[in-house]
């Protein structure tokens, strides 16, 4: 994997409580033949080394093969180590700890699927290889104005829709009241159909805290 070639650099993460900072070193080996790396996902779905000073399109990971492998391995961090990084993407003897600005899955494109797949929501730079079936009735827009859609359960069950894509979708929402200030939308108009929104993701969003 790419991570084994990384230069050892250090970083630290702020956490609540009397001990405010947690330090780490990229590529550290807490036990024989184990390496640990630390990553960050922004609200655009871009993946960075956590200690990258300037995080933008130039410094994010862009290799599709790497991104597909990394995100297909992504799951909740159940190691008991570095809980400030709530997700983990294991690779053999490597532990790749991940934290994010909002959620680890960020949907960036709406694409046509093949055959009976219908439309797909693609996430985190993976194209068709990282995608879920688009379910318009399960979109959710809370009062913060962001838009969410279900994601694989091992990744938390909910993903964020990238702001530019959310803006494109926002005009298709219908509100029971006078507008967004009246609460979450009640319906979504798509491909000539009026979908009643389940708003089932409300409980998931309330339980998720941006890191």
Protein backbone atom coordinates (compact mmCIF):
# COMPACT_ATOMS: atom_id res chain seq x y z
CA UNK A 1 0.00 0.00 0.00
CA UNK A 2 0.96 3.64 -0.50
CA UNK A 3 1.06 4.35 3.24
CA UNK A 4 4.24 2.34 3.77
CA UNK A 5 6.17 4.90 1.66
CA UNK A 6 5.09 7.95 3.63
CA UNK A 7 7.62 10.12 5.41
CA UNK A 8 7.24 10.01 9.17
CA UNK A 9 5.68 13.26 10.30
CA UNK A 10 3.84 14.11 13.47
CA UNK A 11 0.51 15.60 14.37
CA UNK A 12 -1.84 16.12 17.25
CA UNK A 13 -5.61 16.26 17.67
CA UNK A 14 -7.66 18.35 20.06
CA UNK A 15 -10.09 16.42 22.26
CA UNK A 16 -12.41 17.38 25.13
CA UNK A 17 -11.34 16.90 28.74
CA UNK A 18 -8.38 17.92 30.89
CA UNK A 19 -5.83 16.31 28.53
CA UNK A 20 -6.59 18.39 25.46
CA UNK A 21 -4.15 17.09 22.88
CA UNK A 22 -3.43 13.61 21.53
CA UNK A 23 -0.15 13.22 19.66
CA UNK A 24 0.81 10.73 16.98
CA UNK A 25 3.53 10.08 14.41
CA UNK A 26 2.66 9.00 10.88
CA UNK A 27 3.94 5.45 10.42
CA UNK A 28 4.42 4.81 14.12
CA UNK A 29 4.79 1.21 15.25
CA UNK A 30 3.11 0.61 18.63
CA UNK A 31 3.83 -3.11 18.39
CA UNK A 32 6.01 -5.30 16.16
CA UNK A 33 5.14 -5.23 12.44
CA UNK A 34 2.20 -2.86 12.97
CA UNK A 35 2.10 0.59 11.39
CA UNK A 36 -0.39 3.35 12.12
CA UNK A 37 -1.36 6.27 9.88
CA UNK A 38 -3.83 9.11 10.37
CA UNK A 39 -6.21 10.66 7.85
CA UNK A 40 -8.81 13.41 7.54
CA UNK A 41 -11.88 13.72 5.28
CA UNK A 42 -13.26 17.21 4.61
CA UNK A 43 -16.87 18.17 3.81
CA UNK A 44 -16.11 17.87 0.07
CA UNK A 45 -15.17 14.20 0.45
CA UNK A 46 -11.45 14.83 -0.08
CA UNK A 47 -8.99 12.57 1.77
CA UNK A 48 -5.78 13.94 3.31
CA UNK A 49 -3.07 12.89 5.69
CA UNK A 50 -4.37 14.34 8.94
CA UNK A 51 -1.28 16.46 9.57
CA UNK A 52 -1.25 18.05 6.10
CA UNK A 53 -0.96 21.78 6.81
CA UNK A 54 -2.81 23.08 3.74
CA UNK A 55 -5.76 20.91 2.77
CA UNK A 56 -7.01 21.53 -0.76
CA UNK A 57 -7.44 19.75 -4.11
CA UNK A 58 -3.69 19.83 -4.72
CA UNK A 59 -2.77 18.05 -1.48
CA UNK A 60 -5.61 15.50 -1.28
CA UNK A 61 -5.31 11.88 -2.46
CA UNK A 62 -6.55 11.51 -6.03
CA UNK A 63 -5.50 8.02 -7.12
CA UNK A 64 -8.80 6.24 -7.79
CA UNK A 65 -7.52 2.72 -7.08
CA UNK A 66 -6.20 3.81 -3.70
CA UNK A 67 -9.41 5.68 -2.83
CA UNK A 68 -11.63 2.74 -3.77
CA UNK A 69 -9.60 0.35 -1.60
CA UNK A 70 -9.38 2.81 1.29
CA UNK A 71 -13.11 3.58 1.45
CA UNK A 72 -14.23 -0.01 0.88
CA UNK A 73 -12.25 -0.95 3.98
CA UNK A 74 -13.63 1.95 6.03
CA UNK A 75 -15.58 1.09 9.19
CA UNK A 76 -16.11 2.26 12.77
CA UNK A 77 -12.96 2.31 14.90
CA UNK A 78 -13.36 -0.54 17.39
CA UNK A 79 -9.67 -0.86 18.25
CA UNK A 80 -9.85 1.09 21.51
CA UNK A 81 -7.02 3.30 20.21
CA UNK A 82 -7.32 6.93 19.13
CA UNK A 83 -11.05 7.36 19.66
CA UNK A 84 -10.59 10.93 18.40
CA UNK A 85 -10.43 9.16 15.03
CA UNK A 86 -13.84 7.42 14.99
CA UNK A 87 -13.21 5.44 11.79
CA UNK A 88 -10.62 2.94 10.62
CA UNK A 89 -9.53 1.65 7.22
CA UNK A 90 -7.41 -1.46 7.90
CA UNK A 91 -4.92 -2.75 5.35
CA UNK A 92 -3.14 -5.91 6.43
CA UNK A 93 -0.85 -4.86 9.27
CA UNK A 94 -1.61 -1.17 8.79
CA UNK A 95 -4.15 0.69 10.91
CA UNK A 96 -5.36 3.77 9.11
CA UNK A 97 -7.24 5.96 11.57
CA UNK A 98 -9.71 8.44 10.10
CA UNK A 99 -11.51 11.52 11.37
CA UNK A 100 -13.73 13.84 9.36
CA UNK A 101 -15.17 17.32 9.23
CA UNK A 102 -18.75 16.00 9.22
CA UNK A 103 -19.14 12.40 8.01
CA UNK A 104 -16.71 9.99 6.33
CA UNK A 105 -18.96 9.37 3.32
CA UNK A 106 -19.51 12.44 1.16
CA UNK A 107 -21.58 12.03 -2.01
CA UNK A 108 -20.07 14.06 -4.82
CA UNK A 109 -21.83 13.02 -8.03
CA UNK A 110 -25.17 11.67 -9.22
CA UNK A 111 -24.52 9.23 -12.05
CA UNK A 112 -26.42 6.81 -14.24
CA UNK A 113 -26.14 3.18 -13.18
CA UNK A 114 -26.02 0.16 -15.45
CA UNK A 115 -29.07 -1.95 -16.26
CA UNK A 116 -31.59 -2.01 -13.42
CA UNK A 117 -29.33 -0.07 -11.05
CA UNK A 118 -30.95 3.27 -11.91
CA UNK A 119 -29.25 6.39 -10.64
CA UNK A 120 -26.29 6.13 -8.28
CA UNK A 121 -24.74 8.48 -5.77
CA UNK A 122 -20.96 8.30 -6.04
CA UNK A 123 -18.79 9.20 -3.06
CA UNK A 124 -15.25 10.30 -2.20
CA UNK A 125 -13.70 10.20 -5.67
CA UNK A 126 -14.46 6.58 -6.47
CA UNK A 127 -16.81 6.98 -9.46
CA UNK A 128 -19.00 3.93 -10.11
CA UNK A 129 -16.75 1.83 -7.86
CA UNK A 130 -17.82 3.79 -4.77
CA UNK A 131 -21.53 4.32 -5.15
CA UNK A 132 -24.94 3.49 -3.67
CA UNK A 133 -28.34 3.45 -5.29
CA UNK A 134 -29.96 6.88 -5.20
CA UNK A 135 -33.13 6.75 -3.09
CA UNK A 136 -34.73 10.20 -3.39
CA UNK A 137 -37.41 9.50 -0.76
CA UNK A 138 -34.66 8.94 1.85
CA UNK A 139 -32.92 12.29 1.42
CA UNK A 140 -32.91 14.42 4.55
CA UNK A 141 -32.31 18.14 4.98
CA UNK A 142 -32.19 19.31 8.62
CA UNK A 143 -32.33 22.95 9.67
CA UNK A 144 -28.56 23.34 9.13
CA UNK A 145 -29.25 23.26 5.37
CA UNK A 146 -27.00 20.30 4.61
CA UNK A 147 -28.39 17.30 2.74
CA UNK A 148 -27.88 13.68 3.78
CA UNK A 149 -28.52 10.27 2.19
CA UNK A 150 -28.20 6.70 3.54
CA UNK A 151 -24.75 5.07 3.41
CA UNK A 152 -23.48 1.53 4.15
CA UNK A 153 -24.08 0.58 7.78
CA UNK A 154 -20.44 -0.26 8.47
CA UNK A 155 -19.67 3.39 7.67
CA UNK A 156 -22.31 4.76 10.02
CA UNK A 157 -25.44 4.41 7.88
CA UNK A 158 -25.55 8.01 6.65
CA UNK A 159 -23.53 10.17 4.26
CA UNK A 160 -23.29 13.88 3.53
CA UNK A 161 -24.18 15.25 0.09
CA UNK A 162 -21.45 17.61 -1.17
CA UNK A 163 -22.55 21.25 -1.02
CA UNK A 164 -22.50 21.82 -4.80
CA UNK A 165 -24.61 18.71 -5.43
CA UNK A 166 -26.90 19.58 -2.52
CA UNK A 167 -27.48 22.99 -4.11
CA UNK A 168 -28.56 21.29 -7.35
CA UNK A 169 -30.99 19.07 -5.45
CA UNK A 170 -32.35 21.78 -3.15
CA UNK A 171 -34.72 23.18 -5.77
CA UNK A 172 -36.56 19.85 -5.89
CA UNK A 173 -37.61 19.90 -2.22
CA UNK A 174 -41.15 20.75 -1.16
CA UNK A 175 -41.99 22.09 2.29
CA UNK A 176 -45.18 21.57 4.26
CA UNK A 177 -44.90 25.13 5.61
CA UNK A 178 -43.73 28.39 4.10
CA UNK A 179 -40.18 27.27 3.39
CA UNK A 180 -36.95 25.95 4.98
CA UNK A 181 -37.63 27.90 8.18
CA UNK A 182 -40.73 25.76 8.76
CA UNK A 183 -38.65 22.60 9.28
CA UNK A 184 -37.30 19.74 7.12
CA UNK A 185 -38.88 19.35 3.67
CA UNK A 186 -41.75 16.91 3.32
CA UNK A 187 -41.48 15.90 -0.36
CA UNK A 188 -38.92 15.66 -3.15
CA UNK A 189 -39.78 16.01 -6.84
CA UNK A 190 -37.61 13.87 -9.12
CA UNK A 191 -38.01 12.48 -12.64
CA UNK A 192 -41.68 13.44 -12.75
CA UNK A 193 -42.51 11.83 -9.41
CA UNK A 194 -43.41 13.41 -6.06
CA UNK A 195 -41.67 11.40 -3.35
CA UNK A 196 -42.80 11.59 0.28
CA UNK A 197 -39.66 11.96 2.35
CA UNK A 198 -39.23 9.46 5.16
CA UNK A 199 -36.89 11.77 7.14
CA UNK A 200 -35.69 8.60 8.87
CA UNK A 201 -32.13 9.92 8.99
CA UNK A 202 -33.09 12.57 11.56
CA UNK A 203 -32.13 10.28 14.46
CA UNK A 204 -28.79 9.37 12.79
CA UNK A 205 -27.83 13.01 12.26
CA UNK A 206 -28.66 13.88 15.87
CA UNK A 207 -26.34 11.09 17.03
CA UNK A 208 -23.44 12.11 14.79
CA UNK A 209 -21.04 14.79 16.04
CA UNK A 210 -18.62 16.41 13.61
CA UNK A 211 -15.03 15.75 14.74
